[in-house]
């Protein structure tokens, strides 16, 4: 039996409250870390001194930065722990793990944009760009957390680690911070806000919902799987 137009869902739940909350937490902590951290890296610049002054002074700026860093580290542990627990004990599918299809999709997408192919690859729940950004956040976050703790308590860590690691950590922390900021400003903001497909804003991470039109265009394989599962549930497909 065919469904009527009214029965066909026009919106799908893409993100639950947990994922929405984690995104809000990352967004706020990242912003606070940038505001309190970048001025310390460029402490001699007039604009950096102005920001530090309005934050209440260098001691307050450093204190805010350290608290935000500790909260970011706790959030990372929580997130990874939740993902690992879900995979091991809840049998959840790790959608963010790159597969060989992602590499093929990357090549196919490049060929499509260069007009060497007329076929655009079909993506599942997450495409290769979203997975790249996710693992960039995870790996970059690990670098920032490890180097951040080394810089937070250098006297403690140099009791059992080589002292040269402290200046190395300072350099890595600064460069990774600038890289992360660049990725957010150039890559993420375009994909989430300025891309013609979502302009002026992709609201799905805030509302948790995505339209059927976007599902058909951006995640057709996931849509096919959802509709097949629904048809099986309703007895429309023999199993």
C-alpha atoms as a PDB file:
ATOM      1  CA  UNK A   1       0.000   0.000   0.000  1.00  0.00           C
ATOM      2  CA  UNK A   2       1.422   3.373  -1.028  1.00  0.00           C
ATOM      3  CA  UNK A   3       1.591   6.110   1.557  1.00  0.00           C
ATOM      4  CA  UNK A   4      -0.258   9.358   0.926  1.00  0.00           C
ATOM      5  CA  UNK A   5       1.680  12.612   0.731  1.00  0.00           C
ATOM      6  CA  UNK A   6       0.468  13.538   4.202  1.00  0.00           C
ATOM      7  CA  UNK A   7       1.903  10.302   5.637  1.00  0.00           C
ATOM      8  CA  UNK A   8       5.395  10.780   4.166  1.00  0.00           C
ATOM      9  CA  UNK A   9       7.569  12.426   6.828  1.00  0.00           C
ATOM     10  CA  UNK A  10       8.983  15.777   5.746  1.00  0.00           C
ATOM     11  CA  UNK A  11      11.442  15.996   8.643  1.00  0.00           C
ATOM     12  CA  UNK A  12      13.767  13.511  10.283  1.00  0.00           C
ATOM     13  CA  UNK A  13      15.467  13.529  13.673  1.00  0.00           C
ATOM     14  CA  UNK A  14      19.194  13.756  12.962  1.00  0.00           C
ATOM     15  CA  UNK A  15      20.665  14.653  16.359  1.00  0.00           C
ATOM     16  CA  UNK A  16      19.427  13.768  19.829  1.00  0.00           C
ATOM     17  CA  UNK A  17      19.631  16.057  22.844  1.00  0.00           C
ATOM     18  CA  UNK A  18      22.960  14.589  23.913  1.00  0.00           C
ATOM     19  CA  UNK A  19      24.646  15.485  20.624  1.00  0.00           C
ATOM     20  CA  UNK A  20      23.052  18.935  20.587  1.00  0.00           C
ATOM     21  CA  UNK A  21      24.289  19.546  24.126  1.00  0.00           C
ATOM     22  CA  UNK A  22      27.809  18.393  23.272  1.00  0.00           C
ATOM     23  CA  UNK A  23      27.893  20.712  20.269  1.00  0.00           C
ATOM     24  CA  UNK A  24      26.815  23.676  22.404  1.00  0.00           C
ATOM     25  CA  UNK A  25      29.474  22.820  24.991  1.00  0.00           C
ATOM     26  CA  UNK A  26      32.246  22.509  22.370  1.00  0.00           C
ATOM     27  CA  UNK A  27      31.155  25.729  20.693  1.00  0.00           C
ATOM     28  CA  UNK A  28      31.143  27.761  23.919  1.00  0.00           C
ATOM     29  CA  UNK A  29      34.366  26.296  25.311  1.00  0.00           C
ATOM     30  CA  UNK A  30      36.189  26.712  21.990  1.00  0.00           C
ATOM     31  CA  UNK A  31      35.083  30.359  21.794  1.00  0.00           C
ATOM     32  CA  UNK A  32      36.225  31.022  25.356  1.00  0.00           C
ATOM     33  CA  UNK A  33      39.562  29.298  24.750  1.00  0.00           C
ATOM     34  CA  UNK A  34      40.167  31.414  21.634  1.00  0.00           C
ATOM     35  CA  UNK A  35      39.209  34.688  23.331  1.00  0.00           C
ATOM     36  CA  UNK A  36      41.442  34.010  26.337  1.00  0.00           C
ATOM     37  CA  UNK A  37      44.247  32.132  24.571  1.00  0.00           C
ATOM     38  CA  UNK A  38      45.044  33.934  21.309  1.00  0.00           C
ATOM     39  CA  UNK A  39      45.719  37.288  23.049  1.00  0.00           C
ATOM     40  CA  UNK A  40      48.300  35.532  25.239  1.00  0.00           C
ATOM     41  CA  UNK A  41      50.063  34.211  22.138  1.00  0.00           C
ATOM     42  CA  UNK A  42      50.255  37.721  20.677  1.00  0.00           C
ATOM     43  CA  UNK A  43      50.686  39.536  23.977  1.00  0.00           C
ATOM     44  CA  UNK A  44      52.671  42.428  22.480  1.00  0.00           C
ATOM     45  CA  UNK A  45      49.948  43.374  19.972  1.00  0.00           C
ATOM     46  CA  UNK A  46      47.726  46.319  20.926  1.00  0.00           C
ATOM     47  CA  UNK A  47      44.513  44.434  20.113  1.00  0.00           C
ATOM     48  CA  UNK A  48      45.614  41.547  22.355  1.00  0.00           C
ATOM     49  CA  UNK A  49      46.373  43.923  25.230  1.00  0.00           C
ATOM     50  CA  UNK A  50      42.954  45.528  24.746  1.00  0.00           C
ATOM     51  CA  UNK A  51      41.203  42.131  25.002  1.00  0.00           C
ATOM     52  CA  UNK A  52      43.210  41.124  28.086  1.00  0.00           C
ATOM     53  CA  UNK A  53      42.417  44.492  29.708  1.00  0.00           C
ATOM     54  CA  UNK A  54      38.658  44.025  29.195  1.00  0.00           C
ATOM     55  CA  UNK A  55      38.847  40.458  30.466  1.00  0.00           C
ATOM     56  CA  UNK A  56      40.119  41.874  33.756  1.00  0.00           C
ATOM     57  CA  UNK A  57      43.870  41.438  33.379  1.00  0.00           C
ATOM     58  CA  UNK A  58      46.294  38.690  32.449  1.00  0.00           C
ATOM     59  CA  UNK A  59      45.764  36.664  35.634  1.00  0.00           C
ATOM     60  CA  UNK A  60      42.013  36.475  35.095  1.00  0.00           C
ATOM     61  CA  UNK A  61      42.489  35.693  31.395  1.00  0.00           C
ATOM     62  CA  UNK A  62      44.863  32.842  32.264  1.00  0.00           C
ATOM     63  CA  UNK A  63      42.495  31.549  34.938  1.00  0.00           C
ATOM     64  CA  UNK A  64      39.549  31.546  32.527  1.00  0.00           C
ATOM     65  CA  UNK A  65      41.673  29.822  29.892  1.00  0.00           C
ATOM     66  CA  UNK A  66      42.762  27.087  32.274  1.00  0.00           C
ATOM     67  CA  UNK A  67      39.251  26.436  33.570  1.00  0.00           C
ATOM     68  CA  UNK A  68      37.895  26.256  30.007  1.00  0.00           C
ATOM     69  CA  UNK A  69      40.759  23.910  29.070  1.00  0.00           C
ATOM     70  CA  UNK A  70      40.023  21.572  31.970  1.00  0.00           C
ATOM     71  CA  UNK A  71      36.309  21.539  31.065  1.00  0.00           C
ATOM     72  CA  UNK A  72      37.206  20.845  27.430  1.00  0.00           C
ATOM     73  CA  UNK A  73      39.387  17.910  28.527  1.00  0.00           C
ATOM     74  CA  UNK A  74      36.547  16.572  30.698  1.00  0.00           C
ATOM     75  CA  UNK A  75      34.136  16.889  27.777  1.00  0.00           C
ATOM     76  CA  UNK A  76      36.554  14.989  25.512  1.00  0.00           C
ATOM     77  CA  UNK A  77      36.854  12.156  28.043  1.00  0.00           C
ATOM     78  CA  UNK A  78      33.069  12.070  28.430  1.00  0.00           C
ATOM     79  CA  UNK A  79      32.477  11.995  24.668  1.00  0.00           C
ATOM     80  CA  UNK A  80      35.036   9.281  23.901  1.00  0.00           C
ATOM     81  CA  UNK A  81      33.889   7.242  26.877  1.00  0.00           C
ATOM     82  CA  UNK A  82      30.271   7.485  25.732  1.00  0.00           C
ATOM     83  CA  UNK A  83      31.163   6.459  22.181  1.00  0.00           C
ATOM     84  CA  UNK A  84      33.289   3.486  23.296  1.00  0.00           C
ATOM     85  CA  UNK A  85      30.607   2.343  25.751  1.00  0.00           C
ATOM     86  CA  UNK A  86      27.946   2.574  23.050  1.00  0.00           C
ATOM     87  CA  UNK A  87      29.988   0.505  20.596  1.00  0.00           C
ATOM     88  CA  UNK A  88      31.050  -2.181  23.110  1.00  0.00           C
ATOM     89  CA  UNK A  89      27.895  -2.573  25.176  1.00  0.00           C
ATOM     90  CA  UNK A  90      25.016  -1.055  23.177  1.00  0.00           C
ATOM     91  CA  UNK A  91      26.139  -2.382  19.783  1.00  0.00           C
ATOM     92  CA  UNK A  92      25.839   1.075  18.249  1.00  0.00           C
ATOM     93  CA  UNK A  93      27.311   1.628  14.810  1.00  0.00           C
ATOM     94  CA  UNK A  94      30.381   3.909  14.853  1.00  0.00           C
ATOM     95  CA  UNK A  95      29.233   6.119  11.972  1.00  0.00           C
ATOM     96  CA  UNK A  96      32.299   8.363  12.138  1.00  0.00           C
ATOM     97  CA  UNK A  97      34.861   5.646  11.368  1.00  0.00           C
ATOM     98  CA  UNK A  98      36.273   6.280   7.855  1.00  0.00           C
ATOM     99  CA  UNK A  99      35.821   3.458   5.360  1.00  0.00           C
ATOM    100  CA  UNK A 100      37.161   2.718   1.903  1.00  0.00           C
ATOM    101  CA  UNK A 101      33.950   4.228   0.525  1.00  0.00           C
ATOM    102  CA  UNK A 102      34.918   7.597   2.008  1.00  0.00           C
ATOM    103  CA  UNK A 103      38.152   7.610   0.026  1.00  0.00           C
ATOM    104  CA  UNK A 104      36.270   6.674  -3.134  1.00  0.00           C
ATOM    105  CA  UNK A 105      33.688   9.371  -2.391  1.00  0.00           C
ATOM    106  CA  UNK A 106      36.420  11.988  -1.961  1.00  0.00           C
ATOM    107  CA  UNK A 107      37.845  11.157  -5.391  1.00  0.00           C
ATOM    108  CA  UNK A 108      34.376  11.017  -6.961  1.00  0.00           C
ATOM    109  CA  UNK A 109      33.444  14.389  -5.451  1.00  0.00           C
ATOM    110  CA  UNK A 110      36.616  15.970  -6.786  1.00  0.00           C
ATOM    111  CA  UNK A 111      35.916  14.531 -10.241  1.00  0.00           C
ATOM    112  CA  UNK A 112      32.333  15.853 -10.046  1.00  0.00           C
ATOM    113  CA  UNK A 113      33.437  19.389  -9.133  1.00  0.00           C
ATOM    114  CA  UNK A 114      36.053  19.349 -11.889  1.00  0.00           C
ATOM    115  CA  UNK A 115      33.303  18.266 -14.305  1.00  0.00           C
ATOM    116  CA  UNK A 116      35.126  15.066 -15.103  1.00  0.00           C
ATOM    117  CA  UNK A 117      32.055  13.103 -14.001  1.00  0.00           C
ATOM    118  CA  UNK A 118      28.327  13.806 -14.057  1.00  0.00           C
ATOM    119  CA  UNK A 119      27.567  11.515 -11.120  1.00  0.00           C
ATOM    120  CA  UNK A 120      27.703  12.896  -7.586  1.00  0.00           C
ATOM    121  CA  UNK A 121      28.497  10.240  -4.943  1.00  0.00           C
ATOM    122  CA  UNK A 122      25.732   9.193  -2.567  1.00  0.00           C
ATOM    123  CA  UNK A 123      26.488   9.709   1.104  1.00  0.00           C
ATOM    124  CA  UNK A 124      25.266   7.894   4.192  1.00  0.00           C
ATOM    125  CA  UNK A 125      24.719   9.446   7.629  1.00  0.00           C
ATOM    126  CA  UNK A 126      28.030  11.346   7.460  1.00  0.00           C
ATOM    127  CA  UNK A 127      30.105  12.139   4.402  1.00  0.00           C
ATOM    128  CA  UNK A 128      33.904  12.079   4.181  1.00  0.00           C
ATOM    129  CA  UNK A 129      34.173  15.835   4.877  1.00  0.00           C
ATOM    130  CA  UNK A 130      32.259  15.563   8.131  1.00  0.00           C
ATOM    131  CA  UNK A 131      34.382  12.597   9.202  1.00  0.00           C
ATOM    132  CA  UNK A 132      37.564  14.512   8.349  1.00  0.00           C
ATOM    133  CA  UNK A 133      36.435  17.448  10.463  1.00  0.00           C
ATOM    134  CA  UNK A 134      35.410  15.187  13.348  1.00  0.00           C
ATOM    135  CA  UNK A 135      38.755  13.383  13.474  1.00  0.00           C
ATOM    136  CA  UNK A 136      40.516  16.716  13.088  1.00  0.00           C
ATOM    137  CA  UNK A 137      38.698  17.887  16.213  1.00  0.00           C
ATOM    138  CA  UNK A 138      39.549  14.694  18.094  1.00  0.00           C
ATOM    139  CA  UNK A 139      43.247  14.626  17.148  1.00  0.00           C
ATOM    140  CA  UNK A 140      43.698  18.371  17.476  1.00  0.00           C
ATOM    141  CA  UNK A 141      41.875  18.324  20.796  1.00  0.00           C
ATOM    142  CA  UNK A 142      44.231  15.623  22.099  1.00  0.00           C
ATOM    143  CA  UNK A 143      47.243  17.757  21.138  1.00  0.00           C
ATOM    144  CA  UNK A 144      45.757  20.807  22.863  1.00  0.00           C
ATOM    145  CA  UNK A 145      44.823  18.875  26.000  1.00  0.00           C
ATOM    146  CA  UNK A 146      48.199  17.147  26.410  1.00  0.00           C
ATOM    147  CA  UNK A 147      50.271  20.258  25.704  1.00  0.00           C
ATOM    148  CA  UNK A 148      47.898  22.368  27.779  1.00  0.00           C
ATOM    149  CA  UNK A 149      48.406  20.241  30.872  1.00  0.00           C
ATOM    150  CA  UNK A 150      52.180  20.281  30.327  1.00  0.00           C
ATOM    151  CA  UNK A 151      52.090  24.074  30.278  1.00  0.00           C
ATOM    152  CA  UNK A 152      49.688  24.223  33.226  1.00  0.00           C
ATOM    153  CA  UNK A 153      52.053  22.344  35.572  1.00  0.00           C
ATOM    154  CA  UNK A 154      55.558  22.369  34.017  1.00  0.00           C
ATOM    155  CA  UNK A 155      57.396  21.899  37.321  1.00  0.00           C
ATOM    156  CA  UNK A 156      55.384  18.790  38.108  1.00  0.00           C
ATOM    157  CA  UNK A 157      55.810  17.140  34.710  1.00  0.00           C
ATOM    158  CA  UNK A 158      59.534  17.893  34.428  1.00  0.00           C
ATOM    159  CA  UNK A 159      60.106  15.743  37.522  1.00  0.00           C
ATOM    160  CA  UNK A 160      59.717  12.669  35.320  1.00  0.00           C
ATOM    161  CA  UNK A 161      59.775  14.057  31.754  1.00  0.00           C
ATOM    162  CA  UNK A 162      62.592  15.797  29.820  1.00  0.00           C
ATOM    163  CA  UNK A 163      62.545  19.564  30.361  1.00  0.00           C
ATOM    164  CA  UNK A 164      62.779  20.315  26.629  1.00  0.00           C
ATOM    165  CA  UNK A 165      59.187  19.067  26.250  1.00  0.00           C
ATOM    166  CA  UNK A 166      57.859  22.273  27.820  1.00  0.00           C
ATOM    167  CA  UNK A 167      59.006  24.686  25.069  1.00  0.00           C
ATOM    168  CA  UNK A 168      58.005  22.051  22.507  1.00  0.00           C
ATOM    169  CA  UNK A 169      54.554  21.880  24.108  1.00  0.00           C
ATOM    170  CA  UNK A 170      54.282  25.679  24.054  1.00  0.00           C
ATOM    171  CA  UNK A 171      55.082  25.791  20.342  1.00  0.00           C
ATOM    172  CA  UNK A 172      52.745  22.904  19.488  1.00  0.00           C
ATOM    173  CA  UNK A 173      49.948  24.405  21.594  1.00  0.00           C
ATOM    174  CA  UNK A 174      50.183  27.739  19.825  1.00  0.00           C
ATOM    175  CA  UNK A 175      50.390  26.365  16.286  1.00  0.00           C
ATOM    176  CA  UNK A 176      47.593  23.876  16.845  1.00  0.00           C
ATOM    177  CA  UNK A 177      45.405  26.655  18.246  1.00  0.00           C
ATOM    178  CA  UNK A 178      45.899  28.733  15.102  1.00  0.00           C
ATOM    179  CA  UNK A 179      45.282  25.696  12.897  1.00  0.00           C
ATOM    180  CA  UNK A 180      42.051  24.886  14.750  1.00  0.00           C
ATOM    181  CA  UNK A 181      40.856  28.498  14.484  1.00  0.00           C
ATOM    182  CA  UNK A 182      41.651  28.526  10.758  1.00  0.00           C
ATOM    183  CA  UNK A 183      39.730  25.284  10.174  1.00  0.00           C
ATOM    184  CA  UNK A 184      36.696  26.658  12.023  1.00  0.00           C
ATOM    185  CA  UNK A 185      36.710  29.996  10.201  1.00  0.00           C
ATOM    186  CA  UNK A 186      37.453  28.651   6.719  1.00  0.00           C
ATOM    187  CA  UNK A 187      36.128  25.075   6.615  1.00  0.00           C
ATOM    188  CA  UNK A 188      33.429  24.704   9.247  1.00  0.00           C
ATOM    189  CA  UNK A 189      31.724  28.094   8.954  1.00  0.00           C
ATOM    190  CA  UNK A 190      31.480  27.717   5.186  1.00  0.00           C
ATOM    191  CA  UNK A 191      30.054  24.213   5.378  1.00  0.00           C
ATOM    192  CA  UNK A 192      27.645  25.029   8.214  1.00  0.00           C
ATOM    193  CA  UNK A 193      26.577  28.553   7.274  1.00  0.00           C
ATOM    194  CA  UNK A 194      27.865  29.979   3.992  1.00  0.00           C
ATOM    195  CA  UNK A 195      27.452  27.017   1.657  1.00  0.00           C
ATOM    196  CA  UNK A 196      24.630  27.618  -0.885  1.00  0.00           C
ATOM    197  CA  UNK A 197      22.977  24.390   0.290  1.00  0.00           C
ATOM    198  CA  UNK A 198      22.408  25.685   3.848  1.00  0.00           C
ATOM    199  CA  UNK A 199      22.793  29.486   3.668  1.00  0.00           C
ATOM    200  CA  UNK A 200      22.304  31.441   5.872  1.00  0.00           C
ATOM    201  CA  UNK A 201      22.583  28.702   8.505  1.00  0.00           C
ATOM    202  CA  UNK A 202      22.391  24.956   9.030  1.00  0.00           C
ATOM    203  CA  UNK A 203      19.980  24.716  11.962  1.00  0.00           C
ATOM    204  CA  UNK A 204      19.997  20.924  12.247  1.00  0.00           C
ATOM    205  CA  UNK A 205      22.597  20.809  15.047  1.00  0.00           C
ATOM    206  CA  UNK A 206      20.459  23.241  17.061  1.00  0.00           C
ATOM    207  CA  UNK A 207      16.997  21.822  16.325  1.00  0.00           C
ATOM    208  CA  UNK A 208      18.100  18.201  15.891  1.00  0.00           C
ATOM    209  CA  UNK A 209      15.987  17.909  12.730  1.00  0.00           C
ATOM    210  CA  UNK A 210      16.688  17.850   9.000  1.00  0.00           C
ATOM    211  CA  UNK A 211      14.279  18.202   6.083  1.00  0.00           C
ATOM    212  CA  UNK A 212      13.456  15.422   3.639  1.00  0.00           C
ATOM    213  CA  UNK A 213      14.800  17.594   0.810  1.00  0.00           C
ATOM    214  CA  UNK A 214      18.227  17.768   2.443  1.00  0.00           C
ATOM    215  CA  UNK A 215      18.147  14.070   3.311  1.00  0.00           C
ATOM    216  CA  UNK A 216      17.459  13.206  -0.334  1.00  0.00           C
ATOM    217  CA  UNK A 217      20.317  15.413  -1.481  1.00  0.00           C
ATOM    218  CA  UNK A 218      22.939  15.014   1.253  1.00  0.00           C
ATOM    219  CA  UNK A 219      22.236  11.632   2.879  1.00  0.00           C
ATOM    220  CA  UNK A 220      20.302   9.510   0.360  1.00  0.00           C
ATOM    221  CA  UNK A 221      21.747   6.196   1.586  1.00  0.00           C
ATOM    222  CA  UNK A 222      20.638   6.903   5.146  1.00  0.00           C
ATOM    223  CA  UNK A 223      17.189   7.908   3.884  1.00  0.00           C
ATOM    224  CA  UNK A 224      16.889   4.652   1.922  1.00  0.00           C
ATOM    225  CA  UNK A 225      17.828   2.664   5.022  1.00  0.00           C
ATOM    226  CA  UNK A 226      15.306   4.518   7.211  1.00  0.00           C
ATOM    227  CA  UNK A 227      12.477   4.076   4.729  1.00  0.00           C
ATOM    228  CA  UNK A 228      13.303   0.415   4.204  1.00  0.00           C
ATOM    229  CA  UNK A 229      13.240  -0.176   7.964  1.00  0.00           C
ATOM    230  CA  UNK A 230       9.890   1.605   8.181  1.00  0.00           C
ATOM    231  CA  UNK A 231       8.445  -0.460   5.347  1.00  0.00           C
ATOM    232  CA  UNK A 232       9.598  -3.685   7.020  1.00  0.00           C
ATOM    233  CA  UNK A 233       8.088  -2.550  10.297  1.00  0.00           C
ATOM    234  CA  UNK A 234       4.752  -1.880   8.610  1.00  0.00           C
ATOM    235  CA  UNK A 235       4.796  -5.201   6.781  1.00  0.00           C
ATOM    236  CA  UNK A 236       5.139  -3.681   3.312  1.00  0.00           C
ATOM    237  CA  UNK A 237       8.278  -5.739   2.542  1.00  0.00           C
ATOM    238  CA  UNK A 238       8.462  -9.472   3.006  1.00  0.00           C
ATOM    239  CA  UNK A 239      11.218 -10.537   5.415  1.00  0.00           C
END
